Amino acid sequence: MAWNVRFFQTTRGDYPVKKFIEEQDMPTIAKITHSIELLESYGPYLKPPYIKKLEDKLYELRISGKIAVRIFYTMSHNAYYLLHAFKKKTNKTPRRDLRTALDRTRELI
């Protein structure tokens, strides 16, 4: 079964995760695309190390490699919404990035 994965759209009509992906180099884009395809294919059955639950209804898609990338997502309206993406540079998830994802989750509801 294929799961529906969508990009979150801001009130201005922007797609922040799509824009983030387009700004990366080709090997990173390939890894991100592969991870999104895994989410589409396996949905709630996708397990670590590919995903991590952060808070109630908020997860991160984990892309490792030379450049570590995290994409926050949630489930809403029978689809996975990719909310926010960033390059992972420290061991802890930056509060600002987490807050951005939580704010976008509230906009979906």
C-alpha atoms as a PDB file:
ATOM      1  CA  MET A   1       0.000   0.000   0.000  1.00  0.00           C
ATOM      2  CA  ALA A   2       1.311   3.434  -0.871  1.00  0.00           C
ATOM      3  CA  TRP A   3       0.959   6.093   1.793  1.00  0.00           C
ATOM      4  CA  ASN A   4       0.198   9.679   0.830  1.00  0.00           C
ATOM      5  CA  VAL A   5       3.114  12.076   1.503  1.00  0.00           C
ATOM      6  CA  ARG A   6       2.579  15.796   0.949  1.00  0.00           C
ATOM      7  CA  PHE A   7       4.634  18.924   1.385  1.00  0.00           C
ATOM      8  CA  PHE A   8       3.340  21.440   3.925  1.00  0.00           C
ATOM      9  CA  GLN A   9       2.273  24.696   2.251  1.00  0.00           C
ATOM     10  CA  THR A  10       2.566  28.008   4.118  1.00  0.00           C
ATOM     11  CA  THR A  11      -0.154  30.655   3.994  1.00  0.00           C
ATOM     12  CA  ARG A  12       2.027  32.485   1.441  1.00  0.00           C
ATOM     13  CA  GLY A  13       1.916  29.463  -0.840  1.00  0.00           C
ATOM     14  CA  ASP A  14       5.531  28.376  -0.228  1.00  0.00           C
ATOM     15  CA  TYR A  15       6.664  24.785   0.265  1.00  0.00           C
ATOM     16  CA  PRO A  16       9.590  25.077   2.730  1.00  0.00           C
ATOM     17  CA  VAL A  17      10.677  21.419   2.659  1.00  0.00           C
ATOM     18  CA  LYS A  18      10.552  21.257  -1.140  1.00  0.00           C
ATOM     19  CA  LYS A  19      12.644  24.444  -1.306  1.00  0.00           C
ATOM     20  CA  PHE A  20      15.144  23.006   1.206  1.00  0.00           C
ATOM     21  CA  ILE A  21      15.527  19.833  -0.870  1.00  0.00           C
ATOM     22  CA  GLU A  22      16.068  21.782  -4.109  1.00  0.00           C
ATOM     23  CA  GLU A  23      18.921  23.737  -2.464  1.00  0.00           C
ATOM     24  CA  GLN A  24      20.950  20.584  -1.656  1.00  0.00           C
ATOM     25  CA  ASP A  25      23.617  18.868  -3.746  1.00  0.00           C
ATOM     26  CA  MET A  26      22.652  15.891  -5.928  1.00  0.00           C
ATOM     27  CA  PRO A  27      23.842  13.077  -3.596  1.00  0.00           C
ATOM     28  CA  THR A  28      21.899  14.613  -0.697  1.00  0.00           C
ATOM     29  CA  ILE A  29      18.798  15.085  -2.867  1.00  0.00           C
ATOM     30  CA  ALA A  30      19.015  11.396  -3.837  1.00  0.00           C
ATOM     31  CA  LYS A  31      19.200  10.298  -0.191  1.00  0.00           C
ATOM     32  CA  ILE A  32      16.311  12.571   0.817  1.00  0.00           C
ATOM     33  CA  THR A  33      14.203  11.306  -2.089  1.00  0.00           C
ATOM     34  CA  HIS A  34      14.935   7.711  -1.130  1.00  0.00           C
ATOM     35  CA  SER A  35      13.891   8.364   2.488  1.00  0.00           C
ATOM     36  CA  ILE A  36      10.641  10.013   1.379  1.00  0.00           C
ATOM     37  CA  GLU A  37       9.960   7.015  -0.874  1.00  0.00           C
ATOM     38  CA  LEU A  38      10.488   4.723   2.129  1.00  0.00           C
ATOM     39  CA  LEU A  39       7.910   6.748   4.070  1.00  0.00           C
ATOM     40  CA  GLU A  40       5.501   6.469   1.116  1.00  0.00           C
ATOM     41  CA  SER A  41       6.030   2.711   0.902  1.00  0.00           C
ATOM     42  CA  TYR A  42       6.020   1.736   4.579  1.00  0.00           C
ATOM     43  CA  GLY A  43       4.154   4.571   6.330  1.00  0.00           C
ATOM     44  CA  PRO A  44       3.592   3.719  10.011  1.00  0.00           C
ATOM     45  CA  TYR A  45       5.621   0.516   9.621  1.00  0.00           C
ATOM     46  CA  LEU A  46       8.848   2.430   8.956  1.00  0.00           C
ATOM     47  CA  LYS A  47      11.102   2.047  11.998  1.00  0.00           C
ATOM     48  CA  PRO A  48      14.408   3.403  13.333  1.00  0.00           C
ATOM     49  CA  PRO A  49      16.990   4.301  12.133  1.00  0.00           C
ATOM     50  CA  TYR A  50      14.836   5.924   9.426  1.00  0.00           C
ATOM     51  CA  ILE A  51      12.416   7.675  11.772  1.00  0.00           C
ATOM     52  CA  LYS A  52      12.208   8.856  15.351  1.00  0.00           C
ATOM     53  CA  LYS A  53       9.163   9.956  17.325  1.00  0.00           C
ATOM     54  CA  LEU A  54       9.795  13.361  18.889  1.00  0.00           C
ATOM     55  CA  GLU A  55       6.468  14.312  20.433  1.00  0.00           C
ATOM     56  CA  ASP A  56       2.836  13.336  20.162  1.00  0.00           C
ATOM     57  CA  LYS A  57       2.121  13.195  16.395  1.00  0.00           C
ATOM     58  CA  LEU A  58       5.519  14.701  15.491  1.00  0.00           C
ATOM     59  CA  TYR A  59       8.224  12.548  13.916  1.00  0.00           C
ATOM     60  CA  GLU A  60      11.524  13.094  12.180  1.00  0.00           C
ATOM     61  CA  LEU A  61      12.686  11.411   9.017  1.00  0.00           C
ATOM     62  CA  ARG A  62      16.397  10.789   9.522  1.00  0.00           C
ATOM     63  CA  ILE A  63      18.758  10.989   6.546  1.00  0.00           C
ATOM     64  CA  SER A  64      22.356  10.185   7.414  1.00  0.00           C
ATOM     65  CA  GLY A  65      25.544  10.492   5.435  1.00  0.00           C
ATOM     66  CA  LYS A  66      28.217  13.116   4.916  1.00  0.00           C
ATOM     67  CA  ILE A  67      25.465  15.665   5.504  1.00  0.00           C
ATOM     68  CA  ALA A  68      22.868  14.601   8.085  1.00  0.00           C
ATOM     69  CA  VAL A  69      19.385  15.917   7.318  1.00  0.00           C
ATOM     70  CA  ARG A  70      16.234  15.814   9.420  1.00  0.00           C
ATOM     71  CA  ILE A  71      12.710  16.311   8.102  1.00  0.00           C
ATOM     72  CA  PHE A  72       9.924  16.766  10.628  1.00  0.00           C
ATOM     73  CA  TYR A  73       6.568  15.324   9.641  1.00  0.00           C
ATOM     74  CA  THR A  74       3.125  14.591  11.033  1.00  0.00           C
ATOM     75  CA  MET A  75       0.043  12.627  10.048  1.00  0.00           C
ATOM     76  CA  SER A  76      -3.054  14.694   9.295  1.00  0.00           C
ATOM     77  CA  HIS A  77      -6.070  14.292   7.007  1.00  0.00           C
ATOM     78  CA  ASN A  78      -4.940  10.750   6.028  1.00  0.00           C
ATOM     79  CA  ALA A  79      -1.577  11.970   4.729  1.00  0.00           C
ATOM     80  CA  TYR A  80       1.956  12.504   5.962  1.00  0.00           C
ATOM     81  CA  TYR A  81       2.889  16.190   5.843  1.00  0.00           C
ATOM     82  CA  LEU A  82       6.566  17.126   5.569  1.00  0.00           C
ATOM     83  CA  LEU A  83       6.702  20.196   7.796  1.00  0.00           C
ATOM     84  CA  HIS A  84      10.274  21.384   8.206  1.00  0.00           C
ATOM     85  CA  ALA A  85      13.782  20.297   7.159  1.00  0.00           C
ATOM     86  CA  PHE A  86      17.259  21.230   8.328  1.00  0.00           C
ATOM     87  CA  LYS A  87      20.863  20.046   8.289  1.00  0.00           C
ATOM     88  CA  LYS A  88      21.776  18.332  11.538  1.00  0.00           C
ATOM     89  CA  LYS A  89      24.965  19.850  12.947  1.00  0.00           C
ATOM     90  CA  THR A  90      24.729  19.074  16.673  1.00  0.00           C
ATOM     91  CA  ASN A  91      23.607  16.137  18.797  1.00  0.00           C
ATOM     92  CA  LYS A  92      20.537  17.959  20.087  1.00  0.00           C
ATOM     93  CA  THR A  93      17.617  19.023  17.937  1.00  0.00           C
ATOM     94  CA  PRO A  94      17.587  22.843  17.869  1.00  0.00           C
ATOM     95  CA  ARG A  95      14.557  24.254  19.717  1.00  0.00           C
ATOM     96  CA  ARG A  96      13.915  26.779  16.945  1.00  0.00           C
ATOM     97  CA  ASP A  97      13.527  24.010  14.361  1.00  0.00           C
ATOM     98  CA  LEU A  98      11.307  21.987  16.681  1.00  0.00           C
ATOM     99  CA  ARG A  99       9.135  25.040  17.373  1.00  0.00           C
ATOM    100  CA  THR A 100       8.762  25.709  13.629  1.00  0.00           C
ATOM    101  CA  ALA A 101       7.543  22.147  13.064  1.00  0.00           C
ATOM    102  CA  LEU A 102       5.109  22.322  15.987  1.00  0.00           C
ATOM    103  CA  ASP A 103       3.693  25.636  14.739  1.00  0.00           C
ATOM    104  CA  ARG A 104       3.142  24.149  11.278  1.00  0.00           C
ATOM    105  CA  THR A 105       1.472  21.104  12.837  1.00  0.00           C
ATOM    106  CA  ARG A 106      -1.022  23.406  14.553  1.00  0.00           C
ATOM    107  CA  GLU A 107      -1.726  25.147  11.234  1.00  0.00           C
ATOM    108  CA  LEU A 108      -2.773  21.807   9.707  1.00  0.00           C
ATOM    109  CA  ILE A 109      -5.306  21.040  12.433  1.00  0.00           C
END
